[in-house]
Amino acid sequence: MPLSESERTKRTLRARIGAHALHAAGGTNTVNARAAFRRRFEQEVDPEGILSEPERFRRAEHARKAYFARLALASIKARRGDAA
């Protein structure tokens, strides 16, 4: 049964209040996911684990930035309708 406009508004406001309260308390529910995403790049640049921590972090940051730059380029191409 579909919700009425009033019920949808109430649900939206409750969700918004919950999100603001979560962030006001300094928490999010993405901590584990963000850590795994970061580890992905660390593993990519140092699969054997031989680099020092600062060097692994530096390289992982560059790998992460390259990843997002590739996504941005793909997005531009998709919006333009470019084939390649």
N, C-alpha and C. Protein backbone atom coordinates (compact mmCIF):
# COMPACT_ATOMS: atom_id res chain seq x y z
N MET A 1 0.85 -1.17 0.00
CA MET A 1 0.00 0.00 0.00
C MET A 1 0.90 1.24 0.00
N PRO A 2 0.77 2.13 -0.98
CA PRO A 2 1.61 3.32 -1.05
C PRO A 2 1.38 4.26 0.13
N LEU A 3 2.45 4.95 0.48
CA LEU A 3 2.36 5.92 1.58
C LEU A 3 1.74 7.22 1.08
N SER A 4 1.02 7.87 1.98
CA SER A 4 0.46 9.18 1.64
C SER A 4 1.59 10.21 1.65
N GLU A 5 1.30 11.36 1.09
CA GLU A 5 2.30 12.44 1.07
C GLU A 5 2.74 12.79 2.48
N SER A 6 1.81 12.86 3.41
CA SER A 6 2.11 13.17 4.80
C SER A 6 3.02 12.12 5.43
N GLU A 7 2.74 10.84 5.16
CA GLU A 7 3.56 9.76 5.71
C GLU A 7 4.96 9.79 5.12
N ARG A 8 5.07 10.08 3.81
CA ARG A 8 6.40 10.19 3.18
C ARG A 8 7.19 11.34 3.79
N THR A 9 6.53 12.46 4.03
CA THR A 9 7.20 13.61 4.63
C THR A 9 7.70 13.28 6.02
N LYS A 10 6.89 12.62 6.82
CA LYS A 10 7.30 12.23 8.17
C LYS A 10 8.49 11.27 8.12
N ARG A 11 8.43 10.30 7.22
CA ARG A 11 9.53 9.34 7.09
C ARG A 11 10.82 10.05 6.68
N THR A 12 10.72 10.98 5.74
CA THR A 12 11.89 11.73 5.30
C THR A 12 12.48 12.55 6.44
N LEU A 13 11.63 13.20 7.20
CA LEU A 13 12.12 14.01 8.32
C LEU A 13 12.77 13.15 9.39
N ARG A 14 12.18 11.99 9.68
CA ARG A 14 12.80 11.09 10.67
C ARG A 14 14.17 10.62 10.20
N ALA A 15 14.28 10.30 8.92
CA ALA A 15 15.56 9.85 8.38
C ALA A 15 16.58 10.99 8.43
N ARG A 16 16.15 12.19 8.10
CA ARG A 16 17.05 13.34 8.13
C ARG A 16 17.53 13.62 9.56
N ILE A 17 16.62 13.54 10.52
CA ILE A 17 16.99 13.73 11.93
C ILE A 17 18.01 12.68 12.35
N GLY A 18 17.77 11.44 11.98
CA GLY A 18 18.71 10.36 12.32
C GLY A 18 20.09 10.58 11.72
N ALA A 19 20.13 10.98 10.47
CA ALA A 19 21.42 11.23 9.81
C ALA A 19 22.16 12.38 10.48
N HIS A 20 21.46 13.46 10.77
CA HIS A 20 22.11 14.59 11.42
C HIS A 20 22.61 14.21 12.82
N ALA A 21 21.82 13.45 13.56
CA ALA A 21 22.23 13.02 14.90
C ALA A 21 23.47 12.13 14.82
N LEU A 22 23.51 11.23 13.85
CA LEU A 22 24.66 10.35 13.68
C LEU A 22 25.92 11.15 13.40
N HIS A 23 25.84 12.09 12.48
CA HIS A 23 27.02 12.89 12.13
C HIS A 23 27.39 13.87 13.24
N ALA A 24 26.42 14.38 13.96
CA ALA A 24 26.71 15.28 15.07
C ALA A 24 27.49 14.56 16.16
N ALA A 25 27.23 13.27 16.32
CA ALA A 25 27.93 12.48 17.33
C ALA A 25 29.31 12.03 16.83
N GLY A 26 29.64 12.38 15.59
CA GLY A 26 30.95 12.03 15.04
C GLY A 26 31.00 10.65 14.43
N GLY A 27 29.87 10.02 14.28
CA GLY A 27 29.86 8.66 13.75
C GLY A 27 29.30 8.58 12.35
N THR A 28 29.68 7.53 11.69
CA THR A 28 29.08 7.18 10.40
C THR A 28 29.01 5.67 10.37
N ASN A 29 28.33 5.15 9.42
CA ASN A 29 28.26 3.70 9.30
C ASN A 29 29.12 3.20 8.15
N THR A 30 30.10 3.99 7.72
CA THR A 30 30.94 3.61 6.59
C THR A 30 32.40 3.41 6.97
N VAL A 31 32.69 3.36 8.25
CA VAL A 31 34.09 3.26 8.70
C VAL A 31 34.76 2.02 8.13
N ASN A 32 34.12 0.87 8.26
CA ASN A 32 34.72 -0.38 7.77
C ASN A 32 34.88 -0.36 6.25
N ALA A 33 33.90 0.16 5.55
CA ALA A 33 33.97 0.21 4.09
C ALA A 33 35.10 1.13 3.62
N ARG A 34 35.24 2.27 4.27
CA ARG A 34 36.32 3.19 3.88
C ARG A 34 37.69 2.60 4.17
N ALA A 35 37.82 1.87 5.27
CA ALA A 35 39.09 1.23 5.61
C ALA A 35 39.42 0.16 4.57
N ALA A 36 38.43 -0.62 4.15
CA ALA A 36 38.66 -1.65 3.14
C ALA A 36 39.04 -1.02 1.80
N PHE A 37 38.40 0.09 1.46
CA PHE A 37 38.71 0.79 0.22
C PHE A 37 40.15 1.28 0.24
N ARG A 38 40.59 1.83 1.37
CA ARG A 38 41.97 2.30 1.52
C ARG A 38 42.96 1.13 1.41
N ARG A 39 42.63 0.01 2.08
CA ARG A 39 43.51 -1.17 2.03
C ARG A 39 43.66 -1.71 0.61
N ARG A 40 42.60 -1.56 -0.18
CA ARG A 40 42.66 -2.01 -1.57
C ARG A 40 43.83 -1.36 -2.31
N PHE A 41 44.00 -0.06 -2.13
CA PHE A 41 45.07 0.65 -2.82
C PHE A 41 46.43 0.34 -2.19
N GLU A 42 46.47 0.17 -0.89
CA GLU A 42 47.72 -0.21 -0.23
C GLU A 42 48.19 -1.57 -0.73
N GLN A 43 47.26 -2.51 -0.89
CA GLN A 43 47.58 -3.84 -1.40
C GLN A 43 48.03 -3.76 -2.85
N GLU A 44 47.42 -2.87 -3.60
CA GLU A 44 47.76 -2.71 -5.01
C GLU A 44 49.20 -2.23 -5.18
N VAL A 45 49.62 -1.27 -4.36
CA VAL A 45 50.95 -0.69 -4.52
C VAL A 45 52.04 -1.46 -3.77
N ASP A 46 51.64 -2.30 -2.82
CA ASP A 46 52.62 -3.05 -2.02
C ASP A 46 52.09 -4.44 -1.70
N PRO A 47 51.95 -5.30 -2.72
CA PRO A 47 51.35 -6.61 -2.49
C PRO A 47 52.14 -7.50 -1.53
N GLU A 48 53.48 -7.34 -1.47
CA GLU A 48 54.29 -8.16 -0.57
C GLU A 48 54.45 -7.54 0.81
N GLY A 49 54.03 -6.31 0.97
CA GLY A 49 54.14 -5.63 2.26
C GLY A 49 55.56 -5.29 2.65
N ILE A 50 56.39 -4.91 1.67
CA ILE A 50 57.81 -4.63 1.96
C ILE A 50 58.12 -3.14 2.11
N LEU A 51 57.20 -2.29 1.68
CA LEU A 51 57.45 -0.84 1.78
C LEU A 51 57.25 -0.36 3.21
N SER A 52 57.91 0.74 3.52
CA SER A 52 57.66 1.36 4.83
C SER A 52 56.23 1.91 4.82
N GLU A 53 55.66 2.09 5.99
CA GLU A 53 54.28 2.57 6.08
C GLU A 53 54.08 3.92 5.41
N PRO A 54 54.98 4.90 5.66
CA PRO A 54 54.78 6.20 4.99
C PRO A 54 54.85 6.10 3.46
N GLU A 55 55.77 5.27 2.95
CA GLU A 55 55.89 5.13 1.49
C GLU A 55 54.68 4.40 0.92
N ARG A 56 54.21 3.37 1.60
CA ARG A 56 53.02 2.65 1.15
C ARG A 56 51.82 3.60 1.13
N PHE A 57 51.68 4.42 2.17
CA PHE A 57 50.58 5.37 2.24
C PHE A 57 50.67 6.39 1.11
N ARG A 58 51.88 6.90 0.86
CA ARG A 58 52.08 7.90 -0.20
C ARG A 58 51.68 7.32 -1.56
N ARG A 59 52.16 6.12 -1.83
CA ARG A 59 51.86 5.49 -3.12
C ARG A 59 50.37 5.14 -3.23
N ALA A 60 49.79 4.67 -2.13
CA ALA A 60 48.38 4.33 -2.14
C ALA A 60 47.52 5.56 -2.41
N GLU A 61 47.91 6.70 -1.84
CA GLU A 61 47.17 7.94 -2.09
C GLU A 61 47.21 8.31 -3.57
N HIS A 62 48.38 8.13 -4.21
CA HIS A 62 48.48 8.42 -5.64
C HIS A 62 47.64 7.43 -6.45
N ALA A 63 47.65 6.16 -6.05
CA ALA A 63 46.83 5.15 -6.74
C ALA A 63 45.35 5.50 -6.61
N ARG A 64 44.94 5.96 -5.42
CA ARG A 64 43.54 6.34 -5.19
C ARG A 64 43.18 7.54 -6.06
N LYS A 65 44.06 8.53 -6.12
CA LYS A 65 43.78 9.71 -6.94
C LYS A 65 43.72 9.36 -8.42
N ALA A 66 44.58 8.44 -8.87
CA ALA A 66 44.54 7.99 -10.27
C ALA A 66 43.22 7.27 -10.55
N TYR A 67 42.76 6.47 -9.60
CA TYR A 67 41.49 5.76 -9.73
C TYR A 67 40.34 6.74 -9.94
N PHE A 68 40.28 7.78 -9.10
CA PHE A 68 39.20 8.75 -9.22
C PHE A 68 39.34 9.61 -10.48
N ALA A 69 40.57 9.88 -10.90
CA ALA A 69 40.77 10.63 -12.14
C ALA A 69 40.28 9.80 -13.34
N ARG A 70 40.54 8.47 -13.32
CA ARG A 70 40.04 7.61 -14.39
C ARG A 70 38.51 7.59 -14.40
N LEU A 71 37.90 7.55 -13.20
CA LEU A 71 36.44 7.60 -13.13
C LEU A 71 35.91 8.91 -13.72
N ALA A 72 36.56 10.02 -13.40
CA ALA A 72 36.12 11.32 -13.92
C ALA A 72 36.23 11.36 -15.44
N LEU A 73 37.32 10.83 -15.97
CA LEU A 73 37.50 10.79 -17.42
C LEU A 73 36.43 9.93 -18.08
N ALA A 74 36.15 8.78 -17.49
CA ALA A 74 35.10 7.90 -18.04
C ALA A 74 33.74 8.58 -17.98
N SER A 75 33.49 9.34 -16.93
CA SER A 75 32.23 10.06 -16.80
C SER A 75 32.09 11.11 -17.89
N ILE A 76 33.15 11.84 -18.14
CA ILE A 76 33.13 12.86 -19.20
C ILE A 76 32.86 12.22 -20.55
N LYS A 77 33.55 11.12 -20.81
CA LYS A 77 33.35 10.44 -22.09
C LYS A 77 31.93 9.92 -22.23
N ALA A 78 31.39 9.39 -21.15
CA ALA A 78 30.02 8.86 -21.20
C ALA A 78 29.01 9.98 -21.44
N ARG A 79 29.22 11.12 -20.80
CA ARG A 79 28.28 12.22 -21.00
C ARG A 79 28.34 12.78 -22.41
N ARG A 80 29.53 12.76 -23.00
CA ARG A 80 29.68 13.25 -24.37
C ARG A 80 29.24 12.24 -25.40
N GLY A 81 29.21 10.97 -24.98
CA GLY A 81 28.89 9.92 -25.93
C GLY A 81 30.10 9.46 -26.69
N ASP A 82 31.29 9.75 -26.17
CA ASP A 82 32.53 9.31 -26.81
C ASP A 82 32.62 7.79 -26.79
N ALA A 83 33.13 7.23 -27.85
CA ALA A 83 33.29 5.77 -27.92
C ALA A 83 34.53 5.33 -27.13
N ALA A 84 35.57 6.17 -27.13
CA ALA A 84 36.81 5.76 -26.43
C ALA A 84 37.44 6.90 -25.69
